[in-house]
C-alpha atoms as a PDB file:
ATOM      1  CA  MET A   1     167.041  92.659 122.129  1.00  0.00           C
ATOM      2  CA  SER A   2     170.618  93.325 122.105  1.00  0.00           C
ATOM      3  CA  LYS A   3     171.584  95.496 118.935  1.00  0.00           C
ATOM      4  CA  LEU A   4     174.951  95.743 117.172  1.00  0.00           C
ATOM      5  CA  VAL A   5     175.702  98.317 114.434  1.00  0.00           C
ATOM      6  CA  PHE A   6     178.744  97.054 112.284  1.00  0.00           C
ATOM      7  CA  ASP A   7     180.752  98.456 109.396  1.00  0.00           C
ATOM      8  CA  ILE A   8     183.933  97.449 107.534  1.00  0.00           C
ATOM      9  CA  GLU A   9     186.571  99.326 105.571  1.00  0.00           C
ATOM     10  CA  THR A  10     188.567  97.603 102.827  1.00  0.00           C
ATOM     11  CA  ILE A  11     191.741  97.884 100.928  1.00  0.00           C
ATOM     12  CA  GLY A  12     192.839  96.208  97.574  1.00  0.00           C
ATOM     13  CA  GLU A  13     195.975  94.370  96.651  1.00  0.00           C
ATOM     14  CA  ASP A  14     198.801  96.160  94.603  1.00  0.00           C
ATOM     15  CA  PHE A  15     197.713  95.266  90.970  1.00  0.00           C
ATOM     16  CA  ASP A  16     201.301  95.378  89.793  1.00  0.00           C
ATOM     17  CA  SER A  17     202.339  92.897  92.267  1.00  0.00           C
ATOM     18  CA  LEU A  18     199.547  90.346  90.946  1.00  0.00           C
ATOM     19  CA  ASP A  19     200.627  87.268  88.860  1.00  0.00           C
ATOM     20  CA  GLU A  20     200.104  87.706  85.090  1.00  0.00           C
ATOM     21  CA  THR A  21     197.142  85.051  85.111  1.00  0.00           C
ATOM     22  CA  THR A  22     195.403  87.271  87.755  1.00  0.00           C
ATOM     23  CA  GLN A  23     195.933  90.403  85.942  1.00  0.00           C
ATOM     24  CA  GLU A  24     194.702  88.919  82.625  1.00  0.00           C
ATOM     25  CA  SER A  25     191.529  87.486  84.400  1.00  0.00           C
ATOM     26  CA  LEU A  26     190.740  90.840  85.829  1.00  0.00           C
ATOM     27  CA  THR A  27     191.392  93.020  82.593  1.00  0.00           C
ATOM     28  CA  ARG A  28     190.804  90.819  79.438  1.00  0.00           C
ATOM     29  CA  TRP A  29     187.341  92.285  78.840  1.00  0.00           C
ATOM     30  CA  VAL A  30     188.768  96.080  78.690  1.00  0.00           C
ATOM     31  CA  LYS A  31     190.172  95.879  75.139  1.00  0.00           C
ATOM     32  CA  LYS A  32     187.091  94.128  73.838  1.00  0.00           C
ATOM     33  CA  LEU A  33     184.625  96.629  75.328  1.00  0.00           C
ATOM     34  CA  THR A  34     186.510  99.888  74.998  1.00  0.00           C
ATOM     35  CA  GLN A  35     186.752 102.055  71.590  1.00  0.00           C
ATOM     36  CA  SER A  36     190.130 103.878  72.342  1.00  0.00           C
ATOM     37  CA  GLU A  37     193.314 103.733  74.416  1.00  0.00           C
ATOM     38  CA  GLU A  38     192.264 106.679  76.432  1.00  0.00           C
ATOM     39  CA  GLU A  39     188.897 104.681  77.366  1.00  0.00           C
ATOM     40  CA  ALA A  40     190.882 101.344  78.002  1.00  0.00           C
ATOM     41  CA  GLU A  41     193.365 103.375  80.436  1.00  0.00           C
ATOM     42  CA  LYS A  42     190.434 104.751  82.154  1.00  0.00           C
ATOM     43  CA  GLN A  43     188.951 101.251  82.605  1.00  0.00           C
ATOM     44  CA  LEU A  44     192.152  99.807  83.673  1.00  0.00           C
ATOM     45  CA  LEU A  45     192.693 102.484  86.354  1.00  0.00           C
ATOM     46  CA  GLU A  46     189.170 101.779  87.694  1.00  0.00           C
ATOM     47  CA  ILE A  47     189.947  97.947  88.004  1.00  0.00           C
ATOM     48  CA  LYS A  48     193.285  98.866  89.948  1.00  0.00           C
ATOM     49  CA  ASN A  49     191.269 101.230  92.261  1.00  0.00           C
ATOM     50  CA  GLY A  50     188.419  98.793  92.517  1.00  0.00           C
ATOM     51  CA  LEU A  51     190.411  95.644  93.966  1.00  0.00           C
ATOM     52  CA  CYS A  52     189.285  96.797  97.363  1.00  0.00           C
ATOM     53  CA  PHE A  53     185.765  95.762  96.630  1.00  0.00           C
ATOM     54  CA  SER A  54     186.200  92.117  96.113  1.00  0.00           C
ATOM     55  CA  PRO A  55     187.269  89.758  99.133  1.00  0.00           C
ATOM     56  CA  LEU A  56     189.236  87.962  96.483  1.00  0.00           C
ATOM     57  CA  THR A  57     191.435  90.886  95.669  1.00  0.00           C
ATOM     58  CA  GLY A  58     191.169  92.808  98.854  1.00  0.00           C
ATOM     59  CA  GLN A  59     191.206  92.578 102.475  1.00  0.00           C
ATOM     60  CA  ILE A  60     189.603  94.236 105.587  1.00  0.00           C
ATOM     61  CA  ALA A  61     191.593  97.414 107.123  1.00  0.00           C
ATOM     62  CA  ALA A  62     188.991  98.119 109.942  1.00  0.00           C
ATOM     63  CA  ILE A  63     185.813  96.544 111.604  1.00  0.00           C
ATOM     64  CA  GLY A  64     183.727  98.871 113.525  1.00  0.00           C
ATOM     65  CA  VAL A  65     180.992  97.766 115.982  1.00  0.00           C
ATOM     66  CA  TYR A  66     178.593  99.753 118.215  1.00  0.00           C
ATOM     67  CA  ASP A  67     176.259  98.751 120.912  1.00  0.00           C
ATOM     68  CA  VAL A  68     173.003 100.675 120.546  1.00  0.00           C
ATOM     69  CA  GLU A  69     171.871 100.252 124.198  1.00  0.00           C
ATOM     70  CA  LYS A  70     175.210 100.811 125.900  1.00  0.00           C
ATOM     71  CA  ASP A  71     176.114 103.588 123.501  1.00  0.00           C
ATOM     72  CA  LYS A  72     179.600 102.668 123.180  1.00  0.00           C
ATOM     73  CA  GLY A  73     181.648 100.781 120.466  1.00  0.00           C
ATOM     74  CA  ALA A  74     185.018  99.711 119.230  1.00  0.00           C
ATOM     75  CA  VAL A  75     187.054  99.752 116.035  1.00  0.00           C
ATOM     76  CA  TYR A  76     189.617  97.101 115.271  1.00  0.00           C
ATOM     77  CA  PHE A  77     192.126  98.086 112.591  1.00  0.00           C
ATOM     78  CA  GLN A  78     195.235  96.964 110.940  1.00  0.00           C
ATOM     79  CA  ALA A  79     198.344  99.050 111.640  1.00  0.00           C
ATOM     80  CA  PRO A  80     201.173  97.164 110.355  1.00  0.00           C
ATOM     81  CA  ASP A  81     204.726  98.230 111.382  1.00  0.00           C
ATOM     82  CA  ALA A  82     203.254 101.294 113.313  1.00  0.00           C
ATOM     83  CA  ASP A  83     203.820 102.203 117.006  1.00  0.00           C
ATOM     84  CA  ILE A  84     200.154 102.591 117.874  1.00  0.00           C
ATOM     85  CA  THR A  85     198.795 101.353 121.121  1.00  0.00           C
ATOM     86  CA  ASP A  86     195.198 100.517 121.931  1.00  0.00           C
ATOM     87  CA  SER A  87     193.282 103.568 123.198  1.00  0.00           C
ATOM     88  CA  GLU A  88     189.764 105.025 123.794  1.00  0.00           C
ATOM     89  CA  GLU A  89     187.954 108.167 122.726  1.00  0.00           C
ATOM     90  CA  ASP A  90     184.457 109.359 123.439  1.00  0.00           C
ATOM     91  CA  ASN A  91     183.358 105.721 124.372  1.00  0.00           C
ATOM     92  CA  ILE A  92     184.985 104.160 121.257  1.00  0.00           C
ATOM     93  CA  LYS A  93     187.792 101.804 121.962  1.00  0.00           C
ATOM     94  CA  PHE A  94     190.472 101.553 119.271  1.00  0.00           C
ATOM     95  CA  ARG A  95     192.343  98.356 119.192  1.00  0.00           C
ATOM     96  CA  VAL A  96     195.165  97.277 116.564  1.00  0.00           C
ATOM     97  CA  LEU A  97     194.825  93.750 115.277  1.00  0.00           C
ATOM     98  CA  GLY A  98     195.647  91.804 112.087  1.00  0.00           C
ATOM     99  CA  GLU A  99     192.908  90.866 109.703  1.00  0.00           C
ATOM    100  CA  LYS A 100     192.461  87.270 111.033  1.00  0.00           C
ATOM    101  CA  GLU A 101     192.421  88.585 114.652  1.00  0.00           C
ATOM    102  CA  MET A 102     189.866  91.359 113.631  1.00  0.00           C
ATOM    103  CA  LEU A 103     187.373  88.686 112.214  1.00  0.00           C
ATOM    104  CA  GLU A 104     187.913  86.338 115.371  1.00  0.00           C
ATOM    105  CA  GLN A 105     187.220  89.187 117.460  1.00  0.00           C
ATOM    106  CA  PHE A 106     183.993  90.274 115.543  1.00  0.00           C
ATOM    107  CA  TRP A 107     182.545  86.859 115.460  1.00  0.00           C
ATOM    108  CA  ASN A 108     183.256  86.051 119.001  1.00  0.00           C
ATOM    109  CA  LEU A 109     181.445  89.427 119.921  1.00  0.00           C
ATOM    110  CA  ALA A 110     178.559  88.661 117.386  1.00  0.00           C
ATOM    111  CA  GLN A 111     177.574  85.591 119.615  1.00  0.00           C
ATOM    112  CA  LYS A 112     176.390  88.146 122.392  1.00  0.00           C
ATOM    113  CA  TYR A 113     173.985  89.936 120.156  1.00  0.00           C
ATOM    114  CA  GLU A 114     170.571  89.158 118.443  1.00  0.00           C
ATOM    115  CA  GLU A 115     170.039  91.976 116.173  1.00  0.00           C
ATOM    116  CA  PHE A 116     172.750  93.392 113.635  1.00  0.00           C
ATOM    117  CA  ILE A 117     172.477  96.795 111.836  1.00  0.00           C
ATOM    118  CA  SER A 118     174.217  97.748 108.763  1.00  0.00           C
ATOM    119  CA  PHE A 119     173.939 100.028 105.595  1.00  0.00           C
ATOM    120  CA  ASN A 120     174.381  98.111 102.570  1.00  0.00           C
ATOM    121  CA  GLY A 121     175.559  95.115 104.626  1.00  0.00           C
ATOM    122  CA  ARG A 122     173.833  92.454 102.650  1.00  0.00           C
ATOM    123  CA  THR A 123     175.508  93.264  99.483  1.00  0.00           C
ATOM    124  CA  PHE A 124     178.901  94.337 100.600  1.00  0.00           C
ATOM    125  CA  ASP A 125     179.878  93.973 104.439  1.00  0.00           C
ATOM    126  CA  VAL A 126     178.476  90.488 105.220  1.00  0.00           C
ATOM    127  CA  PRO A 127     179.510  88.700 102.050  1.00  0.00           C
ATOM    128  CA  TYR A 128     183.007  90.403 102.362  1.00  0.00           C
ATOM    129  CA  LEU A 129     183.162  89.231 106.134  1.00  0.00           C
ATOM    130  CA  PHE A 130     182.063  85.670 105.136  1.00  0.00           C
ATOM    131  CA  LEU A 131     184.605  85.308 102.643  1.00  0.00           C
ATOM    132  CA  ARG A 132     187.600  86.733 104.028  1.00  0.00           C
ATOM    133  CA  SER A 133     186.768  84.651 107.210  1.00  0.00           C
ATOM    134  CA  ALA A 134     186.826  81.455 105.130  1.00  0.00           C
ATOM    135  CA  ILE A 135     189.857  82.502 103.268  1.00  0.00           C
ATOM    136  CA  LEU A 136     191.706  82.955 106.752  1.00  0.00           C
ATOM    137  CA  GLY A 137     190.139  80.010 108.290  1.00  0.00           C
ATOM    138  CA  VAL A 138     187.686  81.721 110.637  1.00  0.00           C
ATOM    139  CA  ARG A 139     184.207  80.268 111.150  1.00  0.00           C
ATOM    140  CA  PRO A 140     181.476  82.891 111.466  1.00  0.00           C
ATOM    141  CA  THR A 141     179.213  82.420 114.550  1.00  0.00           C
ATOM    142  CA  LYS A 142     175.989  84.004 112.962  1.00  0.00           C
ATOM    143  CA  ASN A 143     174.340  83.865 109.762  1.00  0.00           C
ATOM    144  CA  LEU A 144     173.847  87.502 108.880  1.00  0.00           C
ATOM    145  CA  MET A 145     172.758  86.530 105.292  1.00  0.00           C
ATOM    146  CA  ALA A 146     169.624  84.593 106.172  1.00  0.00           C
ATOM    147  CA  ASN A 147     166.421  85.556 105.130  1.00  0.00           C
ATOM    148  CA  ARG A 148     166.445  89.102 103.734  1.00  0.00           C
ATOM    149  CA  TYR A 149     162.871  89.892 104.876  1.00  0.00           C
ATOM    150  CA  LEU A 150     162.819  90.989 108.478  1.00  0.00           C
ATOM    151  CA  SER A 151     159.609  89.178 109.064  1.00  0.00           C
ATOM    152  CA  SER A 152     161.190  85.754 108.203  1.00  0.00           C
ATOM    153  CA  GLN A 153     164.650  86.242 109.786  1.00  0.00           C
ATOM    154  CA  PRO A 154     165.993  84.017 112.642  1.00  0.00           C
ATOM    155  CA  LYS A 155     165.600  85.377 116.195  1.00  0.00           C
ATOM    156  CA  ASN A 156     168.989  84.863 117.057  1.00  0.00           C
ATOM    157  CA  ALA A 157     170.562  86.717 114.230  1.00  0.00           C
ATOM    158  CA  LYS A 158     168.149  89.455 112.870  1.00  0.00           C
ATOM    159  CA  HIS A 159     169.893  91.826 110.289  1.00  0.00           C
ATOM    160  CA  VAL A 160     168.557  95.160 109.493  1.00  0.00           C
ATOM    161  CA  ASP A 161     170.143  96.438 106.381  1.00  0.00           C
ATOM    162  CA  LEU A 162     169.054 100.052 106.463  1.00  0.00           C
ATOM    163  CA  LEU A 163     169.570 100.294 102.619  1.00  0.00           C
ATOM    164  CA  ASP A 164     167.083  97.580 102.131  1.00  0.00           C
ATOM    165  CA  GLN A 165     164.523  99.086 104.634  1.00  0.00           C
ATOM    166  CA  LEU A 166     164.783 102.878 103.566  1.00  0.00           C
ATOM    167  CA  THR A 167     164.478 101.950  99.903  1.00  0.00           C
ATOM    168  CA  PHE A 168     161.704  99.294 100.716  1.00  0.00           C
ATOM    169  CA  TYR A 169     163.738  96.374  99.265  1.00  0.00           C
ATOM    170  CA  GLY A 170     164.346  98.345  95.956  1.00  0.00           C
ATOM    171  CA  ALA A 171     161.170  99.980  95.277  1.00  0.00           C
ATOM    172  CA  VAL A 172     162.565 103.454  95.680  1.00  0.00           C
ATOM    173  CA  ARG A 173     164.173 104.132  92.239  1.00  0.00           C
ATOM    174  CA  ARG A 174     167.396 105.798  93.354  1.00  0.00           C
ATOM    175  CA  LYS A 175     168.958 103.897  96.295  1.00  0.00           C
ATOM    176  CA  GLY A 176     171.217 106.810  97.766  1.00  0.00           C
ATOM    177  CA  SER A 177     174.519 106.483  99.868  1.00  0.00           C
ATOM    178  CA  LEU A 178     174.732 106.678 103.334  1.00  0.00           C
ATOM    179  CA  HIS A 179     175.788 110.409 103.162  1.00  0.00           C
ATOM    180  CA  LEU A 180     172.775 111.327 101.221  1.00  0.00           C
ATOM    181  CA  PHE A 181     170.613 109.513 103.616  1.00  0.00           C
ATOM    182  CA  SER A 182     172.382 111.241 106.583  1.00  0.00           C
ATOM    183  CA  ARG A 183     172.036 114.590 104.942  1.00  0.00           C
ATOM    184  CA  ALA A 184     168.213 114.176 104.337  1.00  0.00           C
ATOM    185  CA  PHE A 185     167.754 113.230 107.957  1.00  0.00           C
ATOM    186  CA  GLY A 186     169.950 115.934 109.470  1.00  0.00           C
ATOM    187  CA  ILE A 187     172.711 113.489 110.546  1.00  0.00           C
ATOM    188  CA  GLU A 188     176.284 114.325 110.453  1.00  0.00           C
ATOM    189  CA  SER A 189     177.774 112.648 107.460  1.00  0.00           C
ATOM    190  CA  PRO A 190     180.829 110.238 107.819  1.00  0.00           C
ATOM    191  CA  LYS A 191     182.377 112.426 105.154  1.00  0.00           C
ATOM    192  CA  ALA A 192     182.059 115.474 107.293  1.00  0.00           C
ATOM    193  CA  ASN A 193     185.693 115.281 108.295  1.00  0.00           C
ATOM    194  CA  GLY A 194     186.908 115.236 104.620  1.00  0.00           C
ATOM    195  CA  VAL A 195     187.552 111.463 104.280  1.00  0.00           C
ATOM    196  CA  SER A 196     185.567 109.030 102.216  1.00  0.00           C
ATOM    197  CA  GLY A 197     185.680 105.455 101.555  1.00  0.00           C
ATOM    198  CA  ASP A 198     187.462 105.569  98.390  1.00  0.00           C
ATOM    199  CA  GLN A 199     190.369 107.135 100.057  1.00  0.00           C
ATOM    200  CA  VAL A 200     190.866 104.380 102.571  1.00  0.00           C
ATOM    201  CA  GLY A 201     193.427 102.444 100.313  1.00  0.00           C
ATOM    202  CA  GLN A 202     195.713 105.596  99.884  1.00  0.00           C
ATOM    203  CA  LEU A 203     195.413 106.344 103.692  1.00  0.00           C
ATOM    204  CA  PHE A 204     196.657 102.971 104.415  1.00  0.00           C
ATOM    205  CA  LEU A 205     199.519 103.167 101.992  1.00  0.00           C
ATOM    206  CA  GLU A 206     200.394 106.479 103.834  1.00  0.00           C
ATOM    207  CA  LYS A 207     200.059 104.762 107.143  1.00  0.00           C
ATOM    208  CA  ARG A 208     197.277 106.942 108.307  1.00  0.00           C
ATOM    209  CA  PHE A 209     195.791 104.087 110.197  1.00  0.00           C
ATOM    210  CA  PHE A 210     194.048 106.135 112.718  1.00  0.00           C
ATOM    211  CA  ASP A 211     192.396 108.282 110.181  1.00  0.00           C
ATOM    212  CA  ILE A 212     190.686 105.229 108.614  1.00  0.00           C
ATOM    213  CA  ALA A 213     189.753 103.901 112.045  1.00  0.00           C
ATOM    214  CA  ARG A 214     188.172 107.410 112.898  1.00  0.00           C
ATOM    215  CA  TYR A 215     186.422 107.346 109.454  1.00  0.00           C
ATOM    216  CA  ASN A 216     184.958 104.060 110.312  1.00  0.00           C
ATOM    217  CA  VAL A 217     183.540 105.603 113.599  1.00  0.00           C
ATOM    218  CA  GLY A 218     181.848 108.109 111.683  1.00  0.00           C
ATOM    219  CA  ASP A 219     180.151 105.416 109.414  1.00  0.00           C
ATOM    220  CA  LEU A 220     179.073 103.581 112.738  1.00  0.00           C
ATOM    221  CA  LEU A 221     177.525 106.695 114.289  1.00  0.00           C
ATOM    222  CA  ALA A 222     175.648 107.591 111.284  1.00  0.00           C
ATOM    223  CA  THR A 223     174.167 104.260 110.629  1.00  0.00           C
ATOM    224  CA  LYS A 224     173.228 104.102 114.364  1.00  0.00           C
ATOM    225  CA  LYS A 225     171.291 107.410 114.191  1.00  0.00           C
ATOM    226  CA  LEU A 226     169.888 106.540 110.892  1.00  0.00           C
ATOM    227  CA  PHE A 227     168.650 103.350 112.482  1.00  0.00           C
ATOM    228  CA  GLU A 228     167.101 105.352 115.279  1.00  0.00           C
ATOM    229  CA  LYS A 229     165.110 107.360 112.842  1.00  0.00           C
ATOM    230  CA  TRP A 230     163.918 104.369 110.780  1.00  0.00           C
ATOM    231  CA  GLU A 231     162.742 102.569 114.021  1.00  0.00           C
ATOM    232  CA  LYS A 232     160.913 105.632 115.152  1.00  0.00           C
ATOM    233  CA  PHE A 233     159.324 106.848 111.920  1.00  0.00           C
ATOM    234  CA  VAL A 234     159.369 104.168 109.354  1.00  0.00           C
ATOM    235  CA  LYS A 235     159.361 100.631 110.948  1.00  0.00           C
ATOM    236  CA  PHE A 236     156.068  98.857 111.322  1.00  0.00           C
END
């Protein structure tokens, strides 16, 4: 069965550029639920930094894909107004595209695969991909949200969310991040090179687009290796 690992990186809108109604909608609860100005400021900062987590106030900066059988992949990433050409490093192709073009490329590629592998993809990556695709007028080609349990998933779009599998659908009390699972299984963490997901927005502002793309590669490789551990030692 053809297997594709996938992962996305996202960025948020500039809060100060949002219209007043949207700002009010996002922050009206802060004063009601905070006890001091200091606490309110802290919550407001978290809201501003968290705009990347919603497809309604954010967008996709990079989409990474990795073919498990062929042992090679690609990262499609935004690099507005940057002089960056397509390239390849260590069996990973890097291709600069706009967000809509990235989504079109991903869904076109998805048609060729039957099994999809992610880490926390069902509660983040896939809903984000679906909604950003809808907003930009792109039609998904696979239903990667169908039937959470592997035994009941359609054969042409089986989605293995490793967070589901390694926590046994929430039976494990503490879920754990990709970093923690990688560390426990002796896999190099995506954070090994000093970049983490919450820095992507700042890297984008600094036009460090290739750093975002390379961080995405780390996510892909860690997820692929973790999948191999799960398949060999945990899967029944």
